[in-house]
C-alpha atoms as a PDB file:
ATOM      1  CA  MET A   1       0.000   0.000   0.000  1.00  0.00           C
ATOM      2  CA  ASP A   2       1.143   3.556  -0.731  1.00  0.00           C
ATOM      3  CA  ASN A   3       2.751   5.219   2.312  1.00  0.00           C
ATOM      4  CA  PHE A   4       0.540   8.284   2.026  1.00  0.00           C
ATOM      5  CA  LYS A   5      -2.607   6.153   1.919  1.00  0.00           C
ATOM      6  CA  VAL A   6      -1.463   4.423   5.120  1.00  0.00           C
ATOM      7  CA  ILE A   7      -0.717   7.789   6.726  1.00  0.00           C
ATOM      8  CA  TYR A   8      -4.115   9.125   5.670  1.00  0.00           C
ATOM      9  CA  ARG A   9      -5.918   6.064   7.058  1.00  0.00           C
ATOM     10  CA  ILE A  10      -4.063   6.349  10.384  1.00  0.00           C
ATOM     11  CA  LEU A  11      -4.855  10.045  10.740  1.00  0.00           C
ATOM     12  CA  LYS A  12      -8.456   9.611   9.601  1.00  0.00           C
ATOM     13  CA  HIS A  13      -9.034   6.857  12.175  1.00  0.00           C
ATOM     14  CA  LEU A  14      -7.448   8.894  14.962  1.00  0.00           C
ATOM     15  CA  GLU A  15      -9.606  11.872  13.975  1.00  0.00           C
ATOM     16  CA  ALA A  16     -12.768   9.739  14.061  1.00  0.00           C
ATOM     17  CA  SER A  17     -11.682   8.377  17.449  1.00  0.00           C
ATOM     18  CA  LEU A  18     -12.080  11.832  18.984  1.00  0.00           C
ATOM     19  CA  ASP A  19     -15.805  11.049  19.254  1.00  0.00           C
ATOM     20  CA  TYR A  20     -15.261   7.995  21.465  1.00  0.00           C
ATOM     21  CA  PRO A  21     -13.934   7.489  24.992  1.00  0.00           C
ATOM     22  CA  GLU A  22     -11.428   4.884  23.773  1.00  0.00           C
ATOM     23  CA  THR A  23      -9.551   4.436  20.512  1.00  0.00           C
ATOM     24  CA  ASP A  24      -9.595   1.087  18.703  1.00  0.00           C
ATOM     25  CA  TYR A  25      -5.884   0.879  17.914  1.00  0.00           C
ATOM     26  CA  GLU A  26      -6.371  -2.529  16.300  1.00  0.00           C
ATOM     27  CA  ALA A  27      -8.074  -0.714  13.402  1.00  0.00           C
ATOM     28  CA  ILE A  28      -4.737   0.895  12.514  1.00  0.00           C
ATOM     29  CA  SER A  29      -2.561  -2.139  13.163  1.00  0.00           C
ATOM     30  CA  PRO A  30       0.032  -3.203  10.571  1.00  0.00           C
ATOM     31  CA  PHE A  31      -2.136  -6.229   9.753  1.00  0.00           C
ATOM     32  CA  ARG A  32      -5.233  -4.094   9.109  1.00  0.00           C
ATOM     33  CA  LEU A  33      -3.240  -1.591   7.049  1.00  0.00           C
ATOM     34  CA  ASN A  34      -1.529  -4.386   5.107  1.00  0.00           C
ATOM     35  CA  VAL A  35       2.018  -3.186   5.832  1.00  0.00           C
ATOM     36  CA  THR A  36       4.949  -4.678   7.684  1.00  0.00           C
ATOM     37  CA  ARG A  37       5.347  -3.881  11.357  1.00  0.00           C
ATOM     38  CA  GLU A  38       8.659  -2.207  10.559  1.00  0.00           C
ATOM     39  CA  ARG A  39       7.097   0.150   7.979  1.00  0.00           C
ATOM     40  CA  TRP A  40       4.162   0.850  10.292  1.00  0.00           C
ATOM     41  CA  GLU A  41       6.483   1.754  13.172  1.00  0.00           C
ATOM     42  CA  GLN A  42       8.601   4.055  11.026  1.00  0.00           C
ATOM     43  CA  LEU A  43       5.503   5.801   9.629  1.00  0.00           C
ATOM     44  CA  LEU A  44       4.160   6.407  13.146  1.00  0.00           C
ATOM     45  CA  ILE A  45       7.555   7.745  14.224  1.00  0.00           C
ATOM     46  CA  MET A  46       7.630  10.089  11.214  1.00  0.00           C
ATOM     47  CA  LEU A  47       4.077  11.259  11.972  1.00  0.00           C
ATOM     48  CA  GLN A  48       5.084  12.074  15.535  1.00  0.00           C
ATOM     49  CA  ASP A  49       8.365  13.718  14.486  1.00  0.00           C
ATOM     50  CA  GLU A  50       6.413  16.001  12.128  1.00  0.00           C
ATOM     51  CA  GLY A  51       3.833  16.826  14.821  1.00  0.00           C
ATOM     52  CA  TYR A  52       0.811  15.092  13.259  1.00  0.00           C
ATOM     53  CA  ILE A  53       0.375  12.703  16.195  1.00  0.00           C
ATOM     54  CA  LYS A  54       1.577  12.449  19.776  1.00  0.00           C
ATOM     55  CA  GLY A  55       1.553   9.738  22.411  1.00  0.00           C
ATOM     56  CA  ILE A  56       4.163   7.272  21.242  1.00  0.00           C
ATOM     57  CA  VAL A  57       7.474   6.643  22.941  1.00  0.00           C
ATOM     58  CA  THR A  58      10.499   5.662  20.902  1.00  0.00           C
ATOM     59  CA  ALA A  59      13.685   3.954  21.959  1.00  0.00           C
ATOM     60  CA  ARG A  60      16.845   2.670  20.356  1.00  0.00           C
ATOM     61  CA  ASN A  61      18.929  -0.210  21.659  1.00  0.00           C
ATOM     62  CA  LEU A  62      22.588  -0.537  20.803  1.00  0.00           C
ATOM     63  CA  SER A  63      21.685  -3.176  18.209  1.00  0.00           C
ATOM     64  CA  ASP A  64      18.924  -1.096  16.578  1.00  0.00           C
ATOM     65  CA  VAL A  65      19.693   0.867  13.453  1.00  0.00           C
ATOM     66  CA  LYS A  66      16.310   2.609  13.580  1.00  0.00           C
ATOM     67  CA  ARG A  67      14.261   3.907  16.470  1.00  0.00           C
ATOM     68  CA  ARG A  68      11.550   1.516  17.647  1.00  0.00           C
ATOM     69  CA  ILE A  69       8.231   2.183  19.347  1.00  0.00           C
ATOM     70  CA  ALA A  70       7.929   1.155  22.977  1.00  0.00           C
ATOM     71  CA  GLU A  71       4.653  -0.286  24.264  1.00  0.00           C
ATOM     72  CA  PRO A  72       1.977   0.843  24.854  1.00  0.00           C
ATOM     73  CA  ILE A  73       1.318   2.418  21.476  1.00  0.00           C
ATOM     74  CA  THR A  74      -1.374   5.037  21.994  1.00  0.00           C
ATOM     75  CA  PRO A  75      -1.164   7.693  19.280  1.00  0.00           C
ATOM     76  CA  VAL A  76      -3.483  10.698  19.345  1.00  0.00           C
ATOM     77  CA  ILE A  77      -4.029  13.124  16.485  1.00  0.00           C
ATOM     78  CA  THR A  78      -2.848  16.709  16.957  1.00  0.00           C
ATOM     79  CA  LEU A  79      -4.128  19.982  15.553  1.00  0.00           C
ATOM     80  CA  LYS A  80      -1.459  19.755  12.852  1.00  0.00           C
ATOM     81  CA  GLY A  81      -2.762  16.261  11.988  1.00  0.00           C
ATOM     82  CA  LEU A  82      -6.298  17.619  11.708  1.00  0.00           C
ATOM     83  CA  GLU A  83      -5.029  20.384   9.427  1.00  0.00           C
ATOM     84  CA  TYR A  84      -3.298  17.768   7.244  1.00  0.00           C
ATOM     85  CA  LEU A  85      -6.610  15.933   6.789  1.00  0.00           C
ATOM     86  CA  VAL A  86      -8.390  19.145   5.793  1.00  0.00           C
ATOM     87  CA  GLU A  87      -5.674  20.142   3.312  1.00  0.00           C
ATOM     88  CA  ASN A  88      -5.493  16.620   1.871  1.00  0.00           C
ATOM     89  CA  THR A  89      -9.266  16.647   1.308  1.00  0.00           C
ATOM     90  CA  LYS A  90      -9.072  20.029  -0.419  1.00  0.00           C
ATOM     91  CA  ILE A  91      -6.290  18.798  -2.702  1.00  0.00           C
ATOM     92  CA  LYS A  92      -8.322  15.699  -3.630  1.00  0.00           C
ATOM     93  CA  LYS A  93     -11.372  17.837  -4.395  1.00  0.00           C
ATOM     94  CA  ALA A  94      -9.325  20.247  -6.518  1.00  0.00           C
ATOM     95  CA  ALA A  95      -7.737  17.356  -8.408  1.00  0.00           C
ATOM     96  CA  GLY A  96     -11.192  15.883  -9.009  1.00  0.00           C
ATOM     97  CA  LEU A  97     -12.451  19.213 -10.338  1.00  0.00           C
ATOM     98  CA  LEU A  98      -9.464  19.561 -12.650  1.00  0.00           C
ATOM     99  CA  LYS A  99      -9.969  16.025 -13.912  1.00  0.00           C
ATOM    100  CA  GLY A 100     -13.637  16.868 -14.568  1.00  0.00           C
ATOM    101  CA  VAL A 101     -12.667  19.990 -16.467  1.00  0.00           C
ATOM    102  CA  LYS A 102     -10.053  18.087 -18.456  1.00  0.00           C
ATOM    103  CA  ASP A 103     -12.601  15.378 -19.336  1.00  0.00           C
ATOM    104  CA  THR A 104     -15.198  17.997 -20.314  1.00  0.00           C
ATOM    105  CA  ILE A 105     -13.071  20.453 -22.272  1.00  0.00           C
ATOM    106  CA  PRO A 106     -11.067  18.974 -25.154  1.00  0.00           C
ATOM    107  CA  GLY A 107      -7.463  20.127 -25.265  1.00  0.00           C
ATOM    108  CA  PHE A 108      -7.385  21.308 -21.650  1.00  0.00           C
END
């Protein structure tokens, strides 16, 4: 699966989870997202490093090349993550409109 689709699905689920007292983290597990655990961990770390989520703790042992996530894994979306979802939706809508224009107007 495309990395940005995985990122979008993670953020979208965390955004929807704001309406509930508990978050179903299994819904964004590597298995459910059809990615390796290693890719999933690195994407979550990147999301936190960029400020889109918070709530994960990373560690690195002497034998680790990359940072790893320490349990429990309880990410929460941030305001910056919410803004990403809004901007991503606007970009998709604009792309859809441009595609519609291109399909409608020959030579566009």
